[in-house]
Amino acid sequence: MEQDVTLKITDRDGVLHEVKAPTDMAMNLMEVVRSYELAPEGTIGVCGGMAMCASCQCYVKSDHELPEIGMDEDMMLAEAFHVQENSRLGCQIQITPEMNGLEVELAPES
């Protein structure tokens, strides 16, 4: 059964967008941002979601329990700009029913 979740995404201009994201398409947060064109083309998901560029870095504003940071994501965040304690790579956050209400802010373009 199809189930959409609502995400609250603040773009790089500070504008809050409340968007619907499907949980049955194996999408990640970076792909949702791209599909809603919340960042200019070519500025997010540059590596295609391989945790190799940090262009999809975001700040998690809600207290959702997210998957643990993997080694690739951790290494990429160690080299990224504008990293905060709540930084994650959007390409590493899968859209699941548990993500309903997730609030994130896109990090500034590096």
C-alpha atoms as a PDB file:
ATOM      1  CA  MET A   1       0.000   0.000   0.000  1.00  0.00           C
ATOM      2  CA  GLU A   2       1.357   3.378  -1.003  1.00  0.00           C
ATOM      3  CA  GLN A   3       2.127   5.771   1.825  1.00  0.00           C
ATOM      4  CA  ASP A   4       3.416   9.297   1.427  1.00  0.00           C
ATOM      5  CA  VAL A   5       5.130  11.214   4.206  1.00  0.00           C
ATOM      6  CA  THR A   6       5.289  14.953   4.725  1.00  0.00           C
ATOM      7  CA  LEU A   7       8.725  16.556   4.914  1.00  0.00           C
ATOM      8  CA  LYS A   8       9.567  20.130   5.844  1.00  0.00           C
ATOM      9  CA  ILE A   9      12.576  21.327   3.865  1.00  0.00           C
ATOM     10  CA  THR A  10      14.090  24.783   4.192  1.00  0.00           C
ATOM     11  CA  ASP A  11      15.944  25.675   1.002  1.00  0.00           C
ATOM     12  CA  ARG A  12      19.187  27.636   0.754  1.00  0.00           C
ATOM     13  CA  ASP A  13      17.248  30.905   0.501  1.00  0.00           C
ATOM     14  CA  GLY A  14      15.551  30.232   3.855  1.00  0.00           C
ATOM     15  CA  VAL A  15      12.166  29.357   2.319  1.00  0.00           C
ATOM     16  CA  LEU A  16      10.276  26.520   4.034  1.00  0.00           C
ATOM     17  CA  HIS A  17       8.662  23.951   1.726  1.00  0.00           C
ATOM     18  CA  GLU A  18       6.247  21.301   2.978  1.00  0.00           C
ATOM     19  CA  VAL A  19       6.424  18.449   0.474  1.00  0.00           C
ATOM     20  CA  LYS A  20       5.020  14.945   0.093  1.00  0.00           C
ATOM     21  CA  ALA A  21       7.438  12.093  -0.509  1.00  0.00           C
ATOM     22  CA  PRO A  22       6.600   8.489  -1.390  1.00  0.00           C
ATOM     23  CA  THR A  23       7.825   5.709   0.879  1.00  0.00           C
ATOM     24  CA  ASP A  24       7.396   2.985  -1.748  1.00  0.00           C
ATOM     25  CA  MET A  25       9.936   4.162  -4.343  1.00  0.00           C
ATOM     26  CA  ALA A  26      13.255   3.679  -2.461  1.00  0.00           C
ATOM     27  CA  MET A  27      13.938   7.408  -2.694  1.00  0.00           C
ATOM     28  CA  ASN A  28      16.343   9.302  -0.490  1.00  0.00           C
ATOM     29  CA  LEU A  29      16.102  12.862   0.777  1.00  0.00           C
ATOM     30  CA  MET A  30      18.479  14.213  -1.892  1.00  0.00           C
ATOM     31  CA  GLU A  31      16.258  12.771  -4.632  1.00  0.00           C
ATOM     32  CA  VAL A  32      13.180  14.371  -3.070  1.00  0.00           C
ATOM     33  CA  VAL A  33      14.927  17.767  -3.014  1.00  0.00           C
ATOM     34  CA  ARG A  34      15.878  17.324  -6.671  1.00  0.00           C
ATOM     35  CA  SER A  35      12.393  16.196  -7.717  1.00  0.00           C
ATOM     36  CA  TYR A  36      10.823  19.301  -6.156  1.00  0.00           C
ATOM     37  CA  GLU A  37      13.615  21.501  -7.584  1.00  0.00           C
ATOM     38  CA  LEU A  38      14.393  22.978  -4.161  1.00  0.00           C
ATOM     39  CA  ALA A  39      18.006  23.652  -5.192  1.00  0.00           C
ATOM     40  CA  PRO A  40      19.343  24.866  -8.553  1.00  0.00           C
ATOM     41  CA  GLU A  41      20.183  22.119 -11.047  1.00  0.00           C
ATOM     42  CA  GLY A  42      23.763  20.925 -10.628  1.00  0.00           C
ATOM     43  CA  THR A  43      24.121  22.121  -7.025  1.00  0.00           C
ATOM     44  CA  ILE A  44      22.751  19.101  -5.169  1.00  0.00           C
ATOM     45  CA  GLY A  45      23.463  15.414  -5.635  1.00  0.00           C
ATOM     46  CA  VAL A  46      26.449  16.137  -7.854  1.00  0.00           C
ATOM     47  CA  CYS A  47      27.933  12.669  -7.248  1.00  0.00           C
ATOM     48  CA  GLY A  48      24.598  10.956  -7.893  1.00  0.00           C
ATOM     49  CA  GLY A  49      24.018   9.956  -4.293  1.00  0.00           C
ATOM     50  CA  MET A  50      27.227   8.050  -3.632  1.00  0.00           C
ATOM     51  CA  ALA A  51      28.239  10.021  -0.471  1.00  0.00           C
ATOM     52  CA  MET A  52      31.212  11.426  -2.389  1.00  0.00           C
ATOM     53  CA  CYS A  53      30.556  15.171  -2.663  1.00  0.00           C
ATOM     54  CA  ALA A  54      28.514  16.569   0.280  1.00  0.00           C
ATOM     55  CA  SER A  55      26.459  18.763  -2.092  1.00  0.00           C
ATOM     56  CA  CYS A  56      23.311  17.331  -0.458  1.00  0.00           C
ATOM     57  CA  GLN A  57      24.414  18.129   3.096  1.00  0.00           C
ATOM     58  CA  CYS A  58      21.527  19.192   5.285  1.00  0.00           C
ATOM     59  CA  TYR A  59      20.886  20.009   8.912  1.00  0.00           C
ATOM     60  CA  VAL A  60      18.341  17.774  10.641  1.00  0.00           C
ATOM     61  CA  LYS A  61      16.070  20.071  12.678  1.00  0.00           C
ATOM     62  CA  SER A  62      13.631  17.511  14.091  1.00  0.00           C
ATOM     63  CA  ASP A  63      14.451  14.723  16.529  1.00  0.00           C
ATOM     64  CA  HIS A  64      13.662  11.817  14.212  1.00  0.00           C
ATOM     65  CA  GLU A  65      15.671   8.675  14.727  1.00  0.00           C
ATOM     66  CA  LEU A  66      17.747   8.338  11.570  1.00  0.00           C
ATOM     67  CA  PRO A  67      19.943   5.483  10.410  1.00  0.00           C
ATOM     68  CA  GLU A  68      23.429   5.627  11.883  1.00  0.00           C
ATOM     69  CA  ILE A  69      26.039   7.527   9.897  1.00  0.00           C
ATOM     70  CA  GLY A  70      28.039   5.092   7.791  1.00  0.00           C
ATOM     71  CA  MET A  71      31.781   5.259   7.234  1.00  0.00           C
ATOM     72  CA  ASP A  72      31.502   6.872   3.757  1.00  0.00           C
ATOM     73  CA  GLU A  73      29.114   9.554   5.018  1.00  0.00           C
ATOM     74  CA  ASP A  74      31.266  10.214   8.082  1.00  0.00           C
ATOM     75  CA  MET A  75      34.410  10.611   5.957  1.00  0.00           C
ATOM     76  CA  MET A  76      32.651  12.947   3.521  1.00  0.00           C
ATOM     77  CA  LEU A  77      31.263  15.144   6.310  1.00  0.00           C
ATOM     78  CA  ALA A  78      34.773  15.341   7.804  1.00  0.00           C
ATOM     79  CA  GLU A  79      35.902  17.088   4.594  1.00  0.00           C
ATOM     80  CA  ALA A  80      32.792  19.187   3.934  1.00  0.00           C
ATOM     81  CA  PHE A  81      32.222  22.884   4.571  1.00  0.00           C
ATOM     82  CA  HIS A  82      29.570  24.315   6.942  1.00  0.00           C
ATOM     83  CA  VAL A  83      29.318  21.044   8.931  1.00  0.00           C
ATOM     84  CA  GLN A  84      27.306  21.179  12.151  1.00  0.00           C
ATOM     85  CA  GLU A  85      26.516  18.568  14.804  1.00  0.00           C
ATOM     86  CA  ASN A  86      23.202  17.815  13.068  1.00  0.00           C
ATOM     87  CA  SER A  87      24.689  17.554   9.555  1.00  0.00           C
ATOM     88  CA  ARG A  88      23.759  14.578   7.397  1.00  0.00           C
ATOM     89  CA  LEU A  89      24.009  13.790   3.708  1.00  0.00           C
ATOM     90  CA  GLY A  90      20.548  13.734   2.158  1.00  0.00           C
ATOM     91  CA  CYS A  91      21.552  10.886  -0.158  1.00  0.00           C
ATOM     92  CA  GLN A  92      22.038   8.664   2.886  1.00  0.00           C
ATOM     93  CA  ILE A  93      18.569   9.266   4.387  1.00  0.00           C
ATOM     94  CA  GLN A  94      16.040   6.862   2.884  1.00  0.00           C
ATOM     95  CA  ILE A  95      12.410   7.962   2.836  1.00  0.00           C
ATOM     96  CA  THR A  96      10.477   5.578   5.080  1.00  0.00           C
ATOM     97  CA  PRO A  97       7.161   5.901   6.930  1.00  0.00           C
ATOM     98  CA  GLU A  98       9.176   6.807  10.065  1.00  0.00           C
ATOM     99  CA  MET A  99      10.407   9.972   8.285  1.00  0.00           C
ATOM    100  CA  ASN A 100       6.936  11.584   8.414  1.00  0.00           C
ATOM    101  CA  GLY A 101       7.322  15.135   9.716  1.00  0.00           C
ATOM    102  CA  LEU A 102      11.117  15.201   9.228  1.00  0.00           C
ATOM    103  CA  GLU A 103      12.434  18.777   9.207  1.00  0.00           C
ATOM    104  CA  VAL A 104      15.701  19.630   7.472  1.00  0.00           C
ATOM    105  CA  GLU A 105      17.511  22.701   6.216  1.00  0.00           C
ATOM    106  CA  LEU A 106      19.786  22.537   3.177  1.00  0.00           C
ATOM    107  CA  ALA A 107      23.363  23.495   4.015  1.00  0.00           C
ATOM    108  CA  PRO A 108      24.868  26.426   2.106  1.00  0.00           C
ATOM    109  CA  GLU A 109      26.395  25.560  -1.249  1.00  0.00           C
ATOM    110  CA  SER A 110      30.080  24.774  -0.725  1.00  0.00           C
END
